[in-house]
Amino acid sequence: MTDIWSGLTQAFWLLATLDADLVEITLRSLKVTLSALAVASLIAFPLAALISVRRFRLRRFTISVLNALMGLPPVVVGLVVYVLLSRSGPFGVLGLLFTPTAMIIAQVIIVVPLIASIAHQSLRELWSDYHDLLISMNTTKRQRIQTLLWDGRRALLTAALAGFGRAIGEVGAIMIVGGNIDHATRVLTTAIALETGKGDFALALGLGFVLIAMALFVNLMIHWLSHTESEGRW
């Protein structure tokens, strides 16, 4: 019991004094995750809008695949990315393995299906409201997609926040492709796992508090956006 209280006290001290290692790891985590989120959003949002607007033969199959990939095991993603970026892999010449770029690639693959699925559900409802109007105005598919993306921006932000929450807490794929290298690829989740194994509960708890704070903030933002979106419809 004494060790637990001692670890908690030291953890709060690290947070209060903005410990250099804690700040460095936190900023690196944000940099990697926000970069992955930006790339994933650029892929997922247009894809979700396209599926909502356009009718094609494999549309239902595409939606089913996206929904299924939401539960894709992160360690499998990490393994696939590792094989592709390893020296014997097709992209080994790029030397991206055990770099932040490899971690971003893994996170993008993980969160794109999640963001696309959530965004599609919202844009599909919006399209049902706008369908007749946009068709009567003789708009192009590109204009319809742009209209959906703009008017559904609040729902898209909710989808992006959900993707951020999934990415920031990921450890399996990040550990595999990043290697948890100190001052290079060590992020919140991998550092917590390492420090816990070493018995340094103070730093592990400090990093854990930061991760919990991020998760709470994201969930509160999603709740607030969902609430305000419902009010706007009424």
Protein backbone atom coordinates (compact mmCIF):
# COMPACT_ATOMS: atom_id res chain seq x y z
CA MET A 1 0.00 0.00 0.00
CA THR A 2 2.86 2.35 0.80
CA ASP A 3 4.41 1.71 -2.63
CA ILE A 4 1.14 2.58 -4.34
CA TRP A 5 0.75 5.89 -2.49
CA SER A 6 4.41 6.67 -3.11
CA GLY A 7 3.95 6.00 -6.84
CA LEU A 8 0.83 8.17 -6.98
CA THR A 9 2.57 11.01 -5.15
CA GLN A 10 5.57 10.87 -7.49
CA ALA A 11 3.27 10.66 -10.52
CA PHE A 12 1.42 13.83 -9.53
CA TRP A 13 4.77 15.51 -8.89
CA LEU A 14 5.95 14.60 -12.39
CA LEU A 15 2.76 16.10 -13.80
CA ALA A 16 2.99 19.24 -11.69
CA THR A 17 6.63 19.87 -12.58
CA LEU A 18 6.16 18.94 -16.26
CA ASP A 19 8.82 16.23 -16.21
CA ALA A 20 10.94 16.36 -19.38
CA ASP A 21 10.49 12.68 -20.27
CA LEU A 22 6.75 12.83 -19.68
CA VAL A 23 6.35 15.94 -21.83
CA GLU A 24 8.55 14.52 -24.60
CA ILE A 25 6.61 11.25 -24.78
CA THR A 26 3.26 13.04 -24.67
CA LEU A 27 4.18 15.45 -27.46
CA ARG A 28 5.50 12.60 -29.60
CA SER A 29 2.28 10.67 -29.07
CA LEU A 30 0.22 13.68 -30.11
CA LYS A 31 2.40 14.30 -33.15
CA VAL A 32 2.13 10.72 -34.39
CA THR A 33 -1.58 10.37 -33.67
CA LEU A 34 -2.62 13.74 -35.08
CA SER A 35 -0.57 13.10 -38.23
CA ALA A 36 -2.23 9.71 -38.65
CA LEU A 37 -5.64 11.24 -37.98
CA ALA A 38 -5.14 13.92 -40.63
CA VAL A 39 -4.13 11.36 -43.28
CA ALA A 40 -6.91 8.95 -42.27
CA SER A 41 -9.53 11.71 -42.41
CA LEU A 42 -8.43 12.74 -45.90
CA ILE A 43 -9.04 9.15 -46.99
CA ALA A 44 -12.10 8.26 -44.92
CA PHE A 45 -14.27 11.37 -45.35
CA PRO A 46 -14.39 11.42 -49.18
CA LEU A 47 -14.81 7.63 -49.18
CA ALA A 48 -17.78 7.85 -46.80
CA ALA A 49 -19.38 10.62 -48.87
CA LEU A 50 -18.81 8.71 -52.11
CA ILE A 51 -20.46 5.59 -50.72
CA SER A 52 -23.39 7.68 -49.51
CA VAL A 53 -23.96 9.46 -52.83
CA ARG A 54 -23.04 6.91 -55.45
CA ARG A 55 -24.77 3.62 -56.15
CA PHE A 56 -22.52 0.89 -57.55
CA ARG A 57 -22.52 -2.90 -57.72
CA LEU A 58 -20.22 -3.59 -54.75
CA ARG A 59 -21.57 -0.82 -52.54
CA ARG A 60 -23.11 -3.08 -49.90
CA PHE A 61 -20.02 -5.26 -49.92
CA THR A 62 -17.79 -2.20 -49.43
CA ILE A 63 -19.89 -1.04 -46.47
CA SER A 64 -19.77 -4.53 -44.95
CA VAL A 65 -15.98 -4.65 -45.34
CA LEU A 66 -15.56 -1.25 -43.69
CA ASN A 67 -17.74 -2.32 -40.77
CA ALA A 68 -15.83 -5.58 -40.44
CA LEU A 69 -12.45 -3.82 -40.53
CA MET A 70 -13.48 -1.71 -37.54
CA GLY A 71 -12.65 -4.76 -35.43
CA LEU A 72 -9.37 -5.51 -37.17
CA PRO A 73 -6.80 -6.66 -34.54
CA PRO A 74 -4.10 -3.95 -34.27
CA VAL A 75 -1.34 -6.52 -33.80
CA VAL A 76 -2.23 -8.02 -37.18
CA VAL A 77 -1.97 -4.57 -38.74
CA GLY A 78 1.40 -4.12 -37.05
CA LEU A 79 2.59 -7.46 -38.35
CA VAL A 80 1.53 -6.68 -41.92
CA VAL A 81 3.16 -3.24 -41.86
CA TYR A 82 6.30 -4.76 -40.32
CA VAL A 83 6.55 -7.32 -43.13
CA LEU A 84 6.02 -4.67 -45.80
CA LEU A 85 8.60 -2.27 -44.34
CA SER A 86 11.22 -4.81 -43.25
CA ARG A 87 14.44 -5.17 -45.22
CA SER A 88 13.13 -8.22 -47.06
CA GLY A 89 9.76 -6.54 -47.71
CA PRO A 90 8.72 -4.63 -50.84
CA PHE A 91 9.20 -1.24 -49.14
CA GLY A 92 12.27 -2.10 -47.10
CA VAL A 93 14.46 0.12 -49.26
CA LEU A 94 12.67 3.18 -47.81
CA GLY A 95 14.04 2.46 -44.34
CA LEU A 96 10.80 3.38 -42.58
CA LEU A 97 10.68 0.55 -40.04
CA PHE A 98 11.12 1.66 -36.41
CA THR A 99 10.39 5.28 -37.28
CA PRO A 100 7.42 7.54 -36.45
CA THR A 101 6.37 7.26 -40.11
CA ALA A 102 5.85 3.51 -39.73
CA MET A 103 3.74 4.17 -36.64
CA ILE A 104 1.64 6.70 -38.56
CA ILE A 105 1.07 4.20 -41.38
CA ALA A 106 -0.11 1.55 -38.92
CA GLN A 107 -2.46 3.98 -37.17
CA VAL A 108 -3.91 5.16 -40.49
CA ILE A 109 -4.77 1.58 -41.46
CA ILE A 110 -6.39 1.01 -38.07
CA VAL A 111 -8.56 4.14 -37.91
CA VAL A 112 -9.64 4.63 -41.55
CA PRO A 113 -12.38 1.95 -41.37
CA LEU A 114 -13.63 3.35 -38.06
CA ILE A 115 -13.80 6.96 -39.27
CA ALA A 116 -15.30 5.97 -42.64
CA SER A 117 -18.01 3.81 -41.05
CA ILE A 118 -19.08 6.43 -38.51
CA ALA A 119 -18.97 9.20 -41.12
CA HIS A 120 -20.97 7.11 -43.60
CA GLN A 121 -23.78 6.55 -41.10
CA SER A 122 -24.15 10.31 -40.59
CA LEU A 123 -23.72 11.29 -44.24
CA ARG A 124 -26.21 8.65 -45.35
CA GLU A 125 -28.91 10.29 -43.22
CA LEU A 126 -27.92 13.71 -44.50
CA TRP A 127 -28.04 12.48 -48.09
CA SER A 128 -31.60 11.20 -47.62
CA ASP A 129 -32.59 14.76 -46.62
CA TYR A 130 -30.66 16.46 -49.44
CA HIS A 131 -31.19 13.90 -52.20
CA ASP A 132 -34.19 15.42 -53.98
CA LEU A 133 -32.93 18.99 -53.67
CA LEU A 134 -29.46 18.28 -55.05
CA ILE A 135 -30.81 16.10 -57.85
CA SER A 136 -33.32 18.79 -58.88
CA MET A 137 -30.50 21.35 -58.97
CA ASN A 138 -28.68 19.12 -61.47
CA THR A 139 -25.49 19.09 -59.39
CA THR A 140 -22.51 16.92 -60.22
CA LYS A 141 -21.39 14.07 -57.98
CA ARG A 142 -18.43 16.16 -56.88
CA GLN A 143 -20.71 19.03 -55.85
CA ARG A 144 -22.97 16.63 -53.96
CA ILE A 145 -20.02 15.18 -52.09
CA GLN A 146 -18.69 18.64 -51.25
CA THR A 147 -22.13 19.69 -49.98
CA LEU A 148 -22.42 16.62 -47.76
CA LEU A 149 -18.92 17.08 -46.36
CA TRP A 150 -19.54 20.72 -45.54
CA ASP A 151 -23.00 20.38 -44.02
CA GLY A 152 -21.99 17.24 -42.16
CA ARG A 153 -18.77 18.71 -40.79
CA ARG A 154 -19.91 18.39 -37.16
CA ALA A 155 -20.64 14.67 -37.60
CA LEU A 156 -17.31 14.26 -39.39
CA LEU A 157 -15.54 15.89 -36.46
CA THR A 158 -17.22 13.38 -34.16
CA ALA A 159 -15.95 10.55 -36.37
CA ALA A 160 -12.45 12.04 -36.33
CA LEU A 161 -12.50 12.29 -32.53
CA ALA A 162 -13.50 8.63 -32.32
CA GLY A 163 -10.55 7.81 -34.57
CA PHE A 164 -8.24 9.85 -32.35
CA GLY A 165 -9.42 7.96 -29.27
CA ARG A 166 -8.76 4.64 -31.00
CA ALA A 167 -5.33 5.69 -32.25
CA ILE A 168 -3.96 7.35 -29.11
CA GLY A 169 -4.64 4.24 -27.04
CA GLU A 170 -3.14 1.76 -29.51
CA VAL A 171 -0.14 -0.24 -28.29
CA GLY A 172 0.16 -3.54 -30.21
CA ALA A 173 0.83 -2.28 -33.74
CA ILE A 174 2.87 0.68 -32.47
CA MET A 175 5.13 -1.56 -30.45
CA ILE A 176 5.77 -3.84 -33.44
CA VAL A 177 6.53 -1.22 -36.10
CA GLY A 178 7.98 1.47 -33.83
CA GLY A 179 10.18 -0.63 -31.60
CA ASN A 180 9.59 1.61 -28.54
CA ILE A 181 12.96 3.33 -29.05
CA ASP A 182 13.79 5.96 -26.44
CA HIS A 183 13.75 9.55 -27.76
CA ALA A 184 12.62 8.24 -31.16
CA THR A 185 9.46 6.13 -31.23
CA ARG A 186 8.43 5.83 -27.59
CA VAL A 187 4.84 7.00 -27.08
CA LEU A 188 2.38 6.99 -24.19
CA THR A 189 1.10 3.43 -24.48
CA THR A 190 4.44 1.76 -25.17
CA ALA A 191 6.15 3.79 -22.44
CA ILE A 192 3.50 2.76 -19.91
CA ALA A 193 4.04 -0.90 -20.79
CA LEU A 194 7.83 -0.52 -20.53
CA GLU A 195 7.88 1.45 -17.27
CA THR A 196 5.41 -0.92 -15.66
CA GLY A 197 7.65 -3.85 -16.57
CA LYS A 198 10.65 -2.02 -15.11
CA GLY A 199 8.75 -1.29 -11.91
CA ASP A 200 8.86 2.50 -12.40
CA PHE A 201 5.25 3.04 -11.41
CA ALA A 202 5.62 6.79 -10.93
CA LEU A 203 6.31 7.54 -14.59
CA ALA A 204 3.89 4.83 -15.74
CA LEU A 205 1.11 6.34 -13.62
CA GLY A 206 1.96 9.85 -14.77
CA LEU A 207 1.73 8.79 -18.40
CA GLY A 208 -1.44 6.87 -17.60
CA PHE A 209 -3.06 9.98 -16.13
CA VAL A 210 -2.23 11.91 -19.30
CA LEU A 211 -3.72 9.15 -21.45
CA ILE A 212 -6.86 9.03 -19.32
CA ALA A 213 -7.21 12.81 -19.53
CA MET A 214 -6.99 12.65 -23.33
CA ALA A 215 -9.56 9.86 -23.48
CA LEU A 216 -11.97 11.76 -21.20
CA PHE A 217 -11.56 14.93 -23.23
CA VAL A 218 -12.27 13.12 -26.50
CA ASN A 219 -15.35 11.39 -25.07
CA LEU A 220 -16.69 14.62 -23.63
CA MET A 221 -16.20 16.32 -27.00
CA ILE A 222 -18.02 13.51 -28.80
CA HIS A 223 -20.89 13.70 -26.30
CA TRP A 224 -21.10 17.49 -26.64
CA LEU A 225 -21.01 17.40 -30.44
CA SER A 226 -23.64 14.65 -30.58
CA HIS A 227 -25.86 16.63 -28.21
CA THR A 228 -25.54 19.89 -30.11
CA GLU A 229 -26.11 18.07 -33.42
CA SER A 230 -29.37 16.59 -32.08
CA GLU A 231 -30.47 20.02 -30.88
CA GLY A 232 -29.67 21.48 -34.29
CA ARG A 233 -31.91 18.96 -36.02
CA TRP A 234 -34.80 19.81 -33.76
